[in-house]
N, C-alpha and C. Protein backbone atom coordinates (compact mmCIF):
# COMPACT_ATOMS: atom_id res chain seq x y z
N MET A 1 231.93 58.52 35.31
CA MET A 1 231.77 57.55 36.37
C MET A 1 233.01 56.66 36.43
N ILE A 2 233.46 56.40 37.64
CA ILE A 2 234.59 55.52 37.89
C ILE A 2 234.04 54.15 38.25
N LEU A 3 234.38 53.14 37.45
CA LEU A 3 233.91 51.78 37.68
C LEU A 3 234.99 51.01 38.44
N ILE A 4 234.58 50.40 39.55
CA ILE A 4 235.50 49.65 40.39
C ILE A 4 235.01 48.23 40.52
N GLY A 5 235.87 47.29 40.17
CA GLY A 5 235.55 45.88 40.32
C GLY A 5 236.17 45.36 41.61
N VAL A 6 235.37 44.66 42.40
CA VAL A 6 235.86 44.04 43.63
C VAL A 6 235.83 42.53 43.42
N GLY A 7 236.96 41.89 43.64
CA GLY A 7 237.07 40.45 43.44
C GLY A 7 236.55 39.64 44.62
N SER A 8 235.35 39.96 45.06
CA SER A 8 234.72 39.28 46.19
C SER A 8 233.27 39.74 46.27
N THR A 9 232.42 38.89 46.85
CA THR A 9 231.04 39.30 47.11
C THR A 9 230.82 39.54 48.60
N ASN A 10 231.90 39.55 49.39
CA ASN A 10 231.80 39.80 50.83
C ASN A 10 231.38 41.25 51.06
N PRO A 11 230.29 41.48 51.80
CA PRO A 11 229.82 42.86 52.00
C PRO A 11 230.82 43.77 52.70
N VAL A 12 231.63 43.25 53.59
CA VAL A 12 232.65 44.07 54.26
C VAL A 12 233.65 44.59 53.24
N LYS A 13 234.09 43.74 52.33
CA LYS A 13 235.08 44.13 51.33
C LYS A 13 234.48 45.14 50.34
N ILE A 14 233.23 44.95 49.97
CA ILE A 14 232.55 45.87 49.06
C ILE A 14 232.37 47.24 49.73
N ASN A 15 231.91 47.25 50.97
CA ASN A 15 231.70 48.51 51.69
C ASN A 15 233.01 49.25 51.94
N ALA A 16 234.07 48.50 52.26
CA ALA A 16 235.38 49.13 52.46
C ALA A 16 235.86 49.79 51.17
N THR A 17 235.65 49.11 50.06
CA THR A 17 236.05 49.65 48.76
C THR A 17 235.26 50.91 48.44
N ARG A 18 233.97 50.86 48.67
CA ARG A 18 233.12 52.03 48.41
C ARG A 18 233.58 53.23 49.26
N SER A 19 233.82 52.99 50.53
CA SER A 19 234.24 54.08 51.43
C SER A 19 235.59 54.66 51.02
N ALA A 20 236.54 53.79 50.71
CA ALA A 20 237.88 54.27 50.34
C ALA A 20 237.86 55.06 49.04
N PHE A 21 237.24 54.52 48.01
CA PHE A 21 237.23 55.20 46.71
C PHE A 21 236.40 56.48 46.74
N SER A 22 235.40 56.54 47.59
CA SER A 22 234.59 57.76 47.72
C SER A 22 235.40 58.92 48.27
N ARG A 23 236.50 58.63 48.89
CA ARG A 23 237.36 59.69 49.41
C ARG A 23 238.20 60.32 48.29
N PHE A 24 238.30 59.63 47.15
CA PHE A 24 239.08 60.13 46.01
C PHE A 24 238.22 60.58 44.83
N PHE A 25 237.07 59.93 44.65
CA PHE A 25 236.24 60.18 43.47
C PHE A 25 234.79 60.42 43.89
N ASN A 26 234.12 61.30 43.13
CA ASN A 26 232.73 61.65 43.46
C ASN A 26 231.71 60.66 42.91
N ASN A 27 231.94 60.16 41.74
CA ASN A 27 230.93 59.34 41.06
C ASN A 27 231.50 57.96 40.79
N ILE A 28 231.21 57.01 41.69
CA ILE A 28 231.75 55.66 41.55
C ILE A 28 230.63 54.63 41.46
N LYS A 29 230.98 53.53 40.83
CA LYS A 29 230.07 52.39 40.78
C LYS A 29 230.89 51.15 41.09
N ILE A 30 230.37 50.35 42.01
CA ILE A 30 231.05 49.13 42.43
C ILE A 30 230.35 47.93 41.79
N ILE A 31 231.15 47.05 41.19
CA ILE A 31 230.64 45.77 40.71
C ILE A 31 231.47 44.69 41.40
N SER A 32 230.80 43.79 42.07
CA SER A 32 231.53 42.72 42.76
C SER A 32 231.35 41.40 42.02
N ARG A 33 232.41 40.62 42.02
CA ARG A 33 232.39 39.31 41.39
C ARG A 33 233.17 38.34 42.26
N LYS A 34 232.65 37.15 42.38
CA LYS A 34 233.40 36.10 43.06
C LYS A 34 234.45 35.60 42.08
N VAL A 35 235.72 35.71 42.47
CA VAL A 35 236.82 35.23 41.64
C VAL A 35 237.69 34.30 42.47
N ASP A 36 238.37 33.42 41.80
CA ASP A 36 239.25 32.47 42.47
C ASP A 36 240.57 33.17 42.82
N PRO A 37 240.91 33.26 44.13
CA PRO A 37 242.15 33.92 44.49
C PRO A 37 243.39 33.05 44.22
N GLY A 38 243.18 31.76 43.93
CA GLY A 38 244.29 30.89 43.61
C GLY A 38 245.17 30.52 44.79
N ILE A 39 244.62 30.60 45.99
CA ILE A 39 245.36 30.26 47.20
C ILE A 39 244.48 29.37 48.07
N SER A 40 245.00 28.95 49.22
CA SER A 40 244.22 28.10 50.12
C SER A 40 243.07 28.90 50.74
N PRO A 41 242.01 28.21 51.20
CA PRO A 41 240.89 28.92 51.82
C PRO A 41 241.29 29.69 53.08
N GLN A 42 242.33 29.24 53.79
CA GLN A 42 242.79 29.95 54.98
C GLN A 42 244.28 30.30 54.83
N PRO A 43 244.56 31.48 54.28
CA PRO A 43 245.96 31.89 54.13
C PRO A 43 246.64 32.04 55.50
N MET A 44 247.89 31.58 55.57
CA MET A 44 248.61 31.63 56.83
C MET A 44 250.02 32.20 56.67
N THR A 45 250.23 32.95 55.58
CA THR A 45 251.47 33.72 55.39
C THR A 45 251.13 35.03 54.69
N ASP A 46 251.98 36.02 54.89
CA ASP A 46 251.79 37.28 54.17
C ASP A 46 251.88 37.07 52.67
N GLU A 47 252.82 36.25 52.24
CA GLU A 47 253.00 36.01 50.81
C GLU A 47 251.74 35.43 50.17
N GLU A 48 251.11 34.49 50.88
CA GLU A 48 249.90 33.89 50.33
C GLU A 48 248.77 34.92 50.26
N MET A 49 248.65 35.75 51.29
CA MET A 49 247.62 36.79 51.27
C MET A 49 247.85 37.79 50.15
N VAL A 50 249.10 38.22 49.95
CA VAL A 50 249.41 39.18 48.88
C VAL A 50 249.10 38.55 47.52
N THR A 51 249.50 37.30 47.36
CA THR A 51 249.21 36.60 46.09
C THR A 51 247.70 36.55 45.84
N GLY A 52 246.93 36.21 46.87
CA GLY A 52 245.48 36.16 46.73
C GLY A 52 244.88 37.52 46.38
N ALA A 53 245.36 38.57 47.03
CA ALA A 53 244.86 39.92 46.76
C ALA A 53 245.17 40.34 45.33
N ILE A 54 246.41 40.08 44.88
CA ILE A 54 246.79 40.43 43.50
C ILE A 54 245.95 39.64 42.50
N ASN A 55 245.82 38.35 42.73
CA ASN A 55 245.01 37.52 41.82
C ASN A 55 243.58 38.03 41.75
N ARG A 56 242.99 38.36 42.88
CA ARG A 56 241.62 38.86 42.89
C ARG A 56 241.51 40.16 42.10
N ALA A 57 242.43 41.10 42.33
CA ALA A 57 242.39 42.40 41.66
C ALA A 57 242.53 42.25 40.15
N LYS A 58 243.50 41.45 39.72
CA LYS A 58 243.73 41.29 38.28
C LYS A 58 242.63 40.48 37.61
N ARG A 59 242.12 39.47 38.30
CA ARG A 59 241.07 38.65 37.69
C ARG A 59 239.77 39.42 37.54
N VAL A 60 239.39 40.20 38.54
CA VAL A 60 238.16 40.99 38.40
C VAL A 60 238.37 42.09 37.35
N PHE A 61 239.57 42.64 37.28
CA PHE A 61 239.88 43.66 36.26
C PHE A 61 239.71 43.06 34.87
N ASN A 62 240.28 41.89 34.66
CA ASN A 62 240.19 41.25 33.34
C ASN A 62 238.78 40.79 33.00
N GLU A 63 238.01 40.45 34.02
CA GLU A 63 236.65 39.95 33.79
C GLU A 63 235.67 41.05 33.42
N ILE A 64 235.74 42.20 34.11
CA ILE A 64 234.72 43.23 33.86
C ILE A 64 235.27 44.53 33.26
N ASN A 65 236.59 44.64 33.10
CA ASN A 65 237.22 45.81 32.50
C ASN A 65 236.81 47.13 33.17
N PRO A 66 237.00 47.24 34.49
CA PRO A 66 236.68 48.49 35.19
C PRO A 66 237.86 49.46 35.11
N ASN A 67 237.71 50.62 35.73
CA ASN A 67 238.84 51.53 35.87
C ASN A 67 239.85 50.98 36.89
N PHE A 68 239.33 50.31 37.91
CA PHE A 68 240.17 49.73 38.95
C PHE A 68 239.66 48.34 39.32
N GLY A 69 240.58 47.41 39.53
CA GLY A 69 240.25 46.12 40.11
C GLY A 69 240.81 46.09 41.52
N VAL A 70 240.01 45.60 42.46
CA VAL A 70 240.42 45.57 43.87
C VAL A 70 240.35 44.14 44.38
N GLY A 71 241.45 43.72 45.00
CA GLY A 71 241.50 42.41 45.64
C GLY A 71 241.83 42.57 47.10
N LEU A 72 241.08 41.88 47.94
CA LEU A 72 241.29 41.96 49.39
C LEU A 72 241.39 40.54 49.92
N GLU A 73 242.40 40.29 50.74
CA GLU A 73 242.61 38.95 51.27
C GLU A 73 243.05 39.03 52.72
N GLY A 74 242.35 38.29 53.58
CA GLY A 74 242.71 38.26 54.99
C GLY A 74 243.32 36.93 55.36
N GLY A 75 244.00 36.90 56.50
CA GLY A 75 244.61 35.67 56.96
C GLY A 75 245.24 35.82 58.33
N VAL A 76 245.94 34.79 58.71
CA VAL A 76 246.58 34.72 60.02
C VAL A 76 248.06 34.41 59.79
N VAL A 77 248.93 35.08 60.56
CA VAL A 77 250.36 34.90 60.41
C VAL A 77 251.01 34.72 61.78
N LYS A 78 251.92 33.78 61.86
CA LYS A 78 252.66 33.57 63.11
C LYS A 78 254.09 34.08 62.93
N TYR A 79 254.49 34.93 63.85
CA TYR A 79 255.86 35.41 63.93
C TYR A 79 256.43 34.92 65.26
N LYS A 80 257.71 35.10 65.50
CA LYS A 80 258.30 34.62 66.74
C LYS A 80 257.75 35.36 67.96
N PHE A 81 257.15 36.51 67.75
CA PHE A 81 256.61 37.31 68.86
C PHE A 81 255.10 37.24 68.97
N GLY A 82 254.44 36.39 68.20
CA GLY A 82 253.00 36.24 68.35
C GLY A 82 252.30 35.89 67.05
N VAL A 83 251.00 35.67 67.18
CA VAL A 83 250.14 35.33 66.05
C VAL A 83 249.24 36.53 65.78
N PHE A 84 249.09 36.88 64.50
CA PHE A 84 248.34 38.07 64.13
C PHE A 84 247.35 37.79 63.02
N VAL A 85 246.22 38.47 63.05
CA VAL A 85 245.28 38.48 61.94
C VAL A 85 245.53 39.80 61.22
N ARG A 86 245.52 39.73 59.89
CA ARG A 86 245.74 40.92 59.08
C ARG A 86 245.19 40.67 57.69
N GLY A 87 245.21 41.68 56.87
CA GLY A 87 244.78 41.54 55.50
C GLY A 87 245.71 42.28 54.57
N TRP A 88 245.61 41.95 53.30
CA TRP A 88 246.36 42.63 52.26
C TRP A 88 245.39 43.05 51.16
N VAL A 89 245.71 44.17 50.52
CA VAL A 89 244.89 44.72 49.46
C VAL A 89 245.74 44.99 48.24
N ALA A 90 245.19 44.71 47.08
CA ALA A 90 245.82 45.07 45.81
C ALA A 90 244.82 45.88 45.00
N VAL A 91 245.28 46.98 44.42
CA VAL A 91 244.47 47.80 43.53
C VAL A 91 245.21 47.87 42.20
N TYR A 92 244.50 47.57 41.12
CA TYR A 92 245.12 47.48 39.80
C TYR A 92 244.30 48.29 38.81
N ASN A 93 245.00 49.11 38.00
CA ASN A 93 244.30 49.92 37.00
C ASN A 93 244.67 49.51 35.57
N GLY A 94 245.24 48.34 35.41
CA GLY A 94 245.64 47.89 34.09
C GLY A 94 247.10 48.17 33.79
N GLU A 95 247.69 49.09 34.53
CA GLU A 95 249.10 49.45 34.36
C GLU A 95 249.87 49.38 35.66
N VAL A 96 249.31 49.96 36.69
CA VAL A 96 249.98 50.07 37.98
C VAL A 96 249.27 49.18 39.00
N LEU A 97 250.06 48.51 39.81
CA LEU A 97 249.55 47.67 40.89
C LEU A 97 250.00 48.27 42.22
N GLY A 98 249.04 48.64 43.04
CA GLY A 98 249.34 49.14 44.38
C GLY A 98 248.99 48.07 45.40
N ILE A 99 249.85 47.90 46.40
CA ILE A 99 249.65 46.87 47.42
C ILE A 99 249.85 47.49 48.79
N ALA A 100 248.99 47.14 49.74
CA ALA A 100 249.14 47.62 51.12
C ALA A 100 248.50 46.61 52.07
N SER A 101 248.95 46.66 53.30
CA SER A 101 248.39 45.77 54.31
C SER A 101 247.47 46.54 55.25
N THR A 102 246.61 45.80 55.90
CA THR A 102 245.80 46.37 56.96
C THR A 102 246.66 46.48 58.21
N ALA A 103 246.08 47.03 59.23
CA ALA A 103 246.69 46.92 60.56
C ALA A 103 246.68 45.45 60.94
N SER A 104 247.43 45.10 61.95
CA SER A 104 247.45 43.72 62.44
C SER A 104 246.96 43.72 63.89
N ILE A 105 246.34 42.62 64.26
CA ILE A 105 245.88 42.48 65.64
C ILE A 105 246.37 41.15 66.16
N GLN A 106 246.98 41.18 67.32
CA GLN A 106 247.45 39.93 67.92
C GLN A 106 246.25 39.11 68.36
N ILE A 107 246.30 37.82 68.05
CA ILE A 107 245.20 36.94 68.45
C ILE A 107 245.73 35.86 69.39
N PRO A 108 244.84 35.27 70.16
CA PRO A 108 245.28 34.22 71.08
C PRO A 108 245.91 33.05 70.32
N SER A 109 246.99 32.50 70.86
CA SER A 109 247.68 31.40 70.20
C SER A 109 246.80 30.17 70.07
N LEU A 110 245.76 30.06 70.90
CA LEU A 110 244.86 28.92 70.79
C LEU A 110 244.16 28.89 69.44
N ILE A 111 243.95 30.04 68.83
CA ILE A 111 243.35 30.09 67.49
C ILE A 111 244.31 29.51 66.46
N TRP A 112 245.57 29.90 66.55
CA TRP A 112 246.59 29.36 65.64
C TRP A 112 246.68 27.85 65.81
N ASP A 113 246.72 27.40 67.06
CA ASP A 113 246.80 25.97 67.34
C ASP A 113 245.64 25.21 66.72
N ARG A 114 244.43 25.76 66.83
CA ARG A 114 243.26 25.11 66.22
C ARG A 114 243.34 25.10 64.70
N LEU A 115 243.85 26.17 64.11
CA LEU A 115 244.01 26.21 62.65
C LEU A 115 245.01 25.16 62.18
N LEU A 116 246.09 24.99 62.93
CA LEU A 116 247.10 23.99 62.57
C LEU A 116 246.57 22.56 62.73
N ARG A 117 245.81 22.33 63.79
CA ARG A 117 245.28 20.98 64.05
C ARG A 117 244.14 20.61 63.10
N ASN A 118 243.40 21.58 62.65
CA ASN A 118 242.21 21.34 61.83
C ASN A 118 242.34 22.12 60.53
N ARG A 119 243.11 21.60 59.60
CA ARG A 119 243.41 22.32 58.36
C ARG A 119 242.18 22.70 57.54
N GLY A 120 241.02 22.10 57.82
CA GLY A 120 239.81 22.48 57.10
C GLY A 120 239.12 23.70 57.68
N LEU A 121 239.51 24.08 58.90
CA LEU A 121 238.90 25.24 59.55
C LEU A 121 239.48 26.53 58.99
N GLU A 122 238.65 27.55 59.01
CA GLU A 122 239.10 28.90 58.68
C GLU A 122 238.95 29.76 59.92
N LEU A 123 239.63 30.88 59.95
CA LEU A 123 239.55 31.79 61.09
C LEU A 123 238.10 32.14 61.39
N GLU A 124 237.31 32.35 60.36
CA GLU A 124 235.90 32.71 60.56
C GLU A 124 235.16 31.65 61.36
N ASP A 125 235.44 30.37 61.10
CA ASP A 125 234.79 29.29 61.85
C ASP A 125 235.08 29.40 63.34
N ILE A 126 236.34 29.63 63.66
CA ILE A 126 236.75 29.71 65.06
C ILE A 126 236.19 30.98 65.71
N MET A 127 236.23 32.08 64.99
CA MET A 127 235.71 33.35 65.54
C MET A 127 234.20 33.28 65.74
N GLU A 128 233.48 32.58 64.86
CA GLU A 128 232.04 32.40 65.07
C GLU A 128 231.78 31.64 66.36
N GLU A 129 232.56 30.60 66.58
CA GLU A 129 232.40 29.79 67.78
C GLU A 129 232.71 30.60 69.04
N ILE A 130 233.80 31.36 69.02
CA ILE A 130 234.21 32.14 70.19
C ILE A 130 233.25 33.29 70.46
N SER A 131 232.84 33.99 69.40
CA SER A 131 232.04 35.21 69.55
C SER A 131 230.54 34.97 69.59
N GLY A 132 230.11 33.87 68.98
CA GLY A 132 228.68 33.64 68.85
C GLY A 132 228.05 34.45 67.72
N ILE A 133 228.88 35.12 66.91
CA ILE A 133 228.39 35.95 65.80
C ILE A 133 228.47 35.14 64.51
N GLU A 134 227.30 34.85 63.95
CA GLU A 134 227.24 34.10 62.70
C GLU A 134 227.75 34.97 61.55
N LYS A 135 228.54 34.35 60.66
CA LYS A 135 229.13 35.05 59.50
C LYS A 135 229.89 36.30 59.94
N ILE A 136 230.69 36.16 60.97
CA ILE A 136 231.44 37.29 61.52
C ILE A 136 232.34 37.96 60.49
N GLY A 137 232.85 37.17 59.52
CA GLY A 137 233.71 37.72 58.47
C GLY A 137 232.98 38.64 57.51
N ASP A 138 231.65 38.55 57.47
CA ASP A 138 230.83 39.45 56.67
C ASP A 138 230.37 40.65 57.48
N LYS A 139 230.83 40.71 58.73
CA LYS A 139 230.39 41.77 59.65
C LYS A 139 231.61 42.46 60.25
N ILE A 140 231.84 42.29 61.53
CA ILE A 140 232.91 43.01 62.22
C ILE A 140 234.27 42.31 62.14
N GLY A 141 234.27 41.02 61.85
CA GLY A 141 235.51 40.25 61.79
C GLY A 141 236.18 40.12 63.14
N ALA A 142 237.32 39.46 63.12
CA ALA A 142 238.10 39.30 64.36
C ALA A 142 238.51 40.66 64.91
N PHE A 143 238.82 41.61 64.02
CA PHE A 143 239.20 42.95 64.46
C PHE A 143 238.11 43.55 65.36
N GLY A 144 236.89 43.51 64.89
CA GLY A 144 235.79 44.10 65.64
C GLY A 144 235.54 43.39 66.96
N PHE A 145 235.60 42.07 66.94
CA PHE A 145 235.36 41.31 68.17
C PHE A 145 236.46 41.58 69.20
N LEU A 146 237.72 41.54 68.76
CA LEU A 146 238.83 41.68 69.69
C LEU A 146 239.00 43.10 70.22
N THR A 147 238.46 44.10 69.51
CA THR A 147 238.55 45.49 69.98
C THR A 147 237.23 45.98 70.55
N GLU A 148 236.31 45.06 70.78
CA GLU A 148 234.97 45.40 71.28
C GLU A 148 234.30 46.47 70.41
N GLY A 149 234.49 46.33 69.09
CA GLY A 149 233.82 47.21 68.14
C GLY A 149 234.46 48.56 67.92
N LYS A 150 235.62 48.80 68.52
CA LYS A 150 236.28 50.11 68.35
C LYS A 150 236.98 50.23 67.00
N TYR A 151 237.33 49.09 66.40
CA TYR A 151 237.98 49.05 65.08
C TYR A 151 237.54 47.74 64.47
N ASP A 152 237.07 47.76 63.22
CA ASP A 152 236.55 46.52 62.65
C ASP A 152 237.20 46.19 61.32
N ARG A 153 236.80 45.07 60.77
CA ARG A 153 237.38 44.55 59.53
C ARG A 153 237.19 45.53 58.37
N GLU A 154 236.02 46.14 58.29
CA GLU A 154 235.76 47.08 57.20
C GLU A 154 236.69 48.27 57.26
N LYS A 155 236.86 48.85 58.43
CA LYS A 155 237.75 50.01 58.58
C LYS A 155 239.19 49.63 58.25
N ALA A 156 239.61 48.43 58.69
CA ALA A 156 240.97 47.97 58.40
C ALA A 156 241.20 47.87 56.89
N PHE A 157 240.23 47.27 56.18
CA PHE A 157 240.37 47.16 54.73
C PHE A 157 240.27 48.52 54.05
N GLU A 158 239.41 49.40 54.53
CA GLU A 158 239.30 50.74 53.95
C GLU A 158 240.64 51.47 54.03
N ASP A 159 241.26 51.43 55.19
CA ASP A 159 242.56 52.09 55.36
C ASP A 159 243.59 51.52 54.39
N ALA A 160 243.61 50.20 54.24
CA ALA A 160 244.59 49.56 53.36
C ALA A 160 244.33 49.91 51.89
N ILE A 161 243.07 50.02 51.49
CA ILE A 161 242.76 50.40 50.11
C ILE A 161 243.29 51.80 49.83
N ILE A 162 243.07 52.72 50.74
CA ILE A 162 243.57 54.09 50.58
C ILE A 162 245.09 54.06 50.38
N CYS A 163 245.78 53.28 51.18
CA CYS A 163 247.24 53.18 51.07
C CYS A 163 247.66 52.48 49.78
N ALA A 164 246.91 51.48 49.34
CA ALA A 164 247.24 50.77 48.09
C ALA A 164 247.05 51.66 46.87
N LEU A 165 246.25 52.69 46.99
CA LEU A 165 246.05 53.62 45.87
C LEU A 165 247.24 54.56 45.66
N ALA A 166 248.13 54.68 46.64
CA ALA A 166 249.24 55.63 46.54
C ALA A 166 250.06 55.49 45.26
N PRO A 167 250.50 54.28 44.88
CA PRO A 167 251.30 54.18 43.64
C PRO A 167 250.52 54.55 42.38
N ILE A 168 249.21 54.54 42.46
CA ILE A 168 248.39 54.90 41.30
C ILE A 168 248.15 56.40 41.27
N ILE A 169 247.75 56.98 42.40
CA ILE A 169 247.43 58.42 42.40
C ILE A 169 248.69 59.29 42.38
N LYS A 170 249.81 58.73 42.79
CA LYS A 170 251.09 59.44 42.75
C LYS A 170 252.06 58.70 41.83
N SER A 171 251.55 58.22 40.69
CA SER A 171 252.36 57.39 39.79
C SER A 171 253.61 58.11 39.30
N ASP A 172 253.54 59.43 39.08
CA ASP A 172 254.74 60.15 38.63
C ASP A 172 255.86 60.01 39.64
N LEU A 173 255.54 60.18 40.90
CA LEU A 173 256.54 60.06 41.95
C LEU A 173 257.11 58.64 42.02
N TYR A 174 256.24 57.65 41.92
CA TYR A 174 256.68 56.26 41.97
C TYR A 174 257.49 55.88 40.73
N ASN A 175 257.31 56.63 39.64
CA ASN A 175 258.10 56.39 38.42
C ASN A 175 259.38 57.21 38.39
N GLY A 176 259.68 57.90 39.47
CA GLY A 176 260.95 58.63 39.56
C GLY A 176 260.89 60.08 39.14
N ASN A 177 259.71 60.60 38.88
CA ASN A 177 259.58 62.02 38.50
C ASN A 177 259.23 62.83 39.76
N TYR A 178 260.20 63.63 40.22
CA TYR A 178 260.03 64.34 41.48
C TYR A 178 259.51 65.76 41.33
N SER A 179 259.43 66.26 40.11
CA SER A 179 259.04 67.67 39.95
C SER A 179 257.56 67.84 39.73
């Protein structure tokens, strides 16, 4: 049995982890734990999201000693060409750390403006208000709302977990062994 620790109790993050790891392993068990990501409640840079994902993966790994620790962190980022919601994933096996991002979705600048004006607000608060969906971050997320359900937060995180596993499943190649 492959034991996977998820550094969150969010059902979307747990389900994404289960779906992604099931594509590689037949017999898995997921244990979720709330861990402190060591960042602000509403990350607003890629660096902060990556730091949060790494902290979650390593902290859950150290807490429950699984085969893999998984950290997932979402946030909002402003670039000169727009504001985007995205997430980052870290997968850690005690030796190798794999990191990957989700897809990004452009969001209305009014959301960014509200986040800047109200530092206590999180994206989920604003998305709940706009969508009318309570606990949207535990369901479809901004991704699902903005794509009318064609692509959601769980699928975005699942894809990123699969990509974050690359340095682990192909560790020889990442260590410079090409044969």
